[in-house]
Protein backbone atom coordinates (compact mmCIF):
# COMPACT_ATOMS: atom_id res chain seq x y z
CA PRO A 1 5.02 31.61 7.02
CA LYS A 2 2.71 34.29 7.85
CA HIS A 3 0.95 34.40 4.38
CA LEU A 4 -0.11 30.80 4.63
CA LEU A 5 -1.54 31.59 8.01
CA ASN A 6 -3.38 34.35 6.70
CA ARG A 7 -4.77 32.22 3.72
CA ALA A 8 -5.70 29.45 5.89
CA GLN A 9 -7.67 31.56 8.57
CA SER A 10 -9.51 33.32 5.74
CA ALA A 11 -10.40 30.19 3.83
CA ALA A 12 -14.04 29.20 3.65
CA LYS A 13 -15.12 27.09 6.60
CA VAL A 14 -17.39 24.83 4.63
CA PRO A 15 -15.49 23.52 1.48
CA THR A 16 -17.00 23.36 -2.06
CA ARG A 17 -18.58 20.17 -2.64
CA LYS A 18 -17.88 18.37 -6.18
CA SER A 19 -18.90 15.05 -7.67
CA VAL A 20 -16.14 12.85 -9.21
CA GLU A 21 -16.50 9.70 -11.32
CA THR A 22 -13.70 7.15 -11.04
CA ALA A 23 -12.99 3.64 -12.45
CA THR A 24 -11.42 1.15 -9.99
CA TYR A 25 -10.08 -2.43 -10.37
CA GLU A 26 -11.79 -5.36 -8.46
CA ARG A 27 -8.91 -6.83 -6.69
CA ASN A 28 -8.99 -10.55 -5.95
CA PRO A 29 -9.57 -10.77 -2.23
CA ALA A 30 -7.54 -14.36 -2.08
CA ILE A 31 -4.47 -12.38 -3.33
CA VAL A 32 -4.94 -9.69 -0.68
CA ALA A 33 -5.29 -12.20 1.95
CA TYR A 34 -2.40 -14.34 0.87
CA VAL A 35 -0.03 -11.32 0.83
CA GLN A 36 -1.28 -10.23 4.25
CA LYS A 37 -0.68 -13.48 5.75
CA ARG A 38 2.77 -13.96 3.88
CA SER A 39 3.85 -10.58 5.38
CA ARG A 40 2.45 -11.53 8.87
CA TYR A 41 0.79 -8.26 8.51
CA LYS A 42 4.05 -6.35 8.72
CA CYS A 43 5.20 -3.76 6.16
CA GLU A 44 7.46 -5.26 3.54
CA VAL A 45 9.43 -2.23 2.92
CA ASP A 46 12.85 -2.98 4.37
CA SER A 47 13.36 0.20 6.35
CA CYS A 48 10.02 0.06 8.03
CA ASP A 49 9.11 -1.73 11.22
CA TYR A 50 5.25 -1.05 10.98
CA GLU A 51 3.00 -3.86 11.95
CA GLY A 52 -0.65 -3.80 11.08
CA PHE A 53 -3.27 -2.58 13.54
CA GLU A 54 -6.21 -4.59 14.92
CA LYS A 55 -9.60 -3.82 13.52
CA GLU A 56 -12.79 -3.55 15.46
CA ASP A 57 -13.77 -7.18 14.49
CA GLY A 58 -10.34 -8.41 15.78
CA SER A 59 -8.76 -9.12 12.49
CA LYS A 60 -5.53 -7.36 11.45
CA PHE A 61 -5.09 -4.68 8.67
CA ILE A 62 -2.38 -3.87 6.43
CA GLU A 63 -2.41 -2.39 2.82
CA VAL A 64 -1.54 -4.28 -0.18
CA HIS A 65 0.15 -2.38 -3.00
CA ASN A 66 0.63 -3.76 -6.65
CA LEU A 67 4.30 -3.19 -7.39
CA LYS A 68 3.42 -2.52 -11.12
CA GLN A 69 0.12 -0.67 -11.13
CA LEU A 70 -2.96 -2.48 -12.51
CA SER A 71 -3.66 0.75 -14.57
CA ASP A 72 -0.17 0.26 -16.22
CA GLY A 73 -0.78 -3.46 -17.06
CA GLY A 74 0.43 -5.01 -13.80
CA GLU A 75 -1.11 -8.19 -12.82
CA ASP A 76 -3.34 -8.92 -9.89
CA SER A 77 -1.03 -11.60 -8.53
CA ILE A 78 0.92 -12.58 -5.42
CA SER A 79 4.32 -11.85 -7.41
CA ASN A 80 3.20 -8.29 -8.06
CA ALA A 81 1.82 -7.32 -4.60
CA ALA A 82 3.47 -6.35 -1.30
CA ALA A 83 2.02 -5.57 2.18
CA VAL A 84 2.80 -2.02 3.12
CA CYS A 85 1.81 0.43 5.81
CA PRO A 86 -0.04 3.56 4.70
CA ASN A 87 2.99 5.78 4.84
CA CYS A 88 5.17 3.49 2.63
CA HIS A 89 2.20 3.09 0.40
CA ARG A 90 2.11 6.77 -0.38
CA LEU A 91 5.91 6.69 -0.65
CA LEU A 92 5.61 3.93 -3.27
CA HIS A 93 3.16 6.26 -5.28
CA TYR A 94 4.71 9.77 -4.74
CA GLY A 95 8.18 9.33 -3.15
CA LYS A 96 11.42 10.58 -4.79
CA ASP A 97 13.01 7.12 -4.49
CA ARG A 98 9.92 5.16 -5.32
CA GLU A 99 11.53 3.24 -8.42
CA LYS A 100 14.35 2.09 -6.21
CA ILE A 101 12.03 0.97 -3.25
CA ARG A 102 9.80 -0.81 -5.75
CA ARG A 103 12.79 -2.76 -7.27
CA LEU A 104 14.04 -3.77 -3.83
CA LEU A 105 10.45 -4.67 -2.76
CA LYS A 106 9.95 -6.71 -5.87
CA GLU A 107 13.13 -8.65 -5.08
CA LYS A 108 11.93 -9.36 -1.60
CA VAL A 109 8.46 -10.37 -2.54
CA VAL A 110 9.97 -13.10 -4.79
CA LYS A 111 12.04 -14.57 -1.89
CA GLU A 112 9.08 -14.00 0.60
CA ASN A 113 6.80 -16.06 -1.77
CA GLU A 114 9.38 -18.85 -2.06
CA ASN A 115 9.82 -19.01 1.72
CA PHE A 116 6.08 -18.81 2.48
CA LYS A 117 5.24 -21.62 -0.01
CA MET A 118 7.77 -23.76 1.68
CA THR A 119 5.99 -23.19 5.05
CA LEU A 120 2.74 -24.31 3.45
CA GLY A 121 4.20 -27.71 2.62
């Protein structure tokens, strides 16, 4: 719409800077690595075919999402974590169907953990 174009064109070219203080959770790197390996660096959301990209150092990257948020009392554990692409990660936080997708993903994580443990011997 024209009014958005006008607002965007008349916006300040240098944005206002602000300071923000945040608290974060220190994730266990072993859990993140396990989940990434379990998923073979592929997004675990069923409808997604995203495969993690290669980083500059040659390692692969995919995000790890807590199915029940740490801030809501979720555990930092392999049973509460899924490998997801950046788009599905935002979907799990903000999407209209996020609760349904989380539930399906939780079921998949249980199965994938069992399967992956069997491959480890």
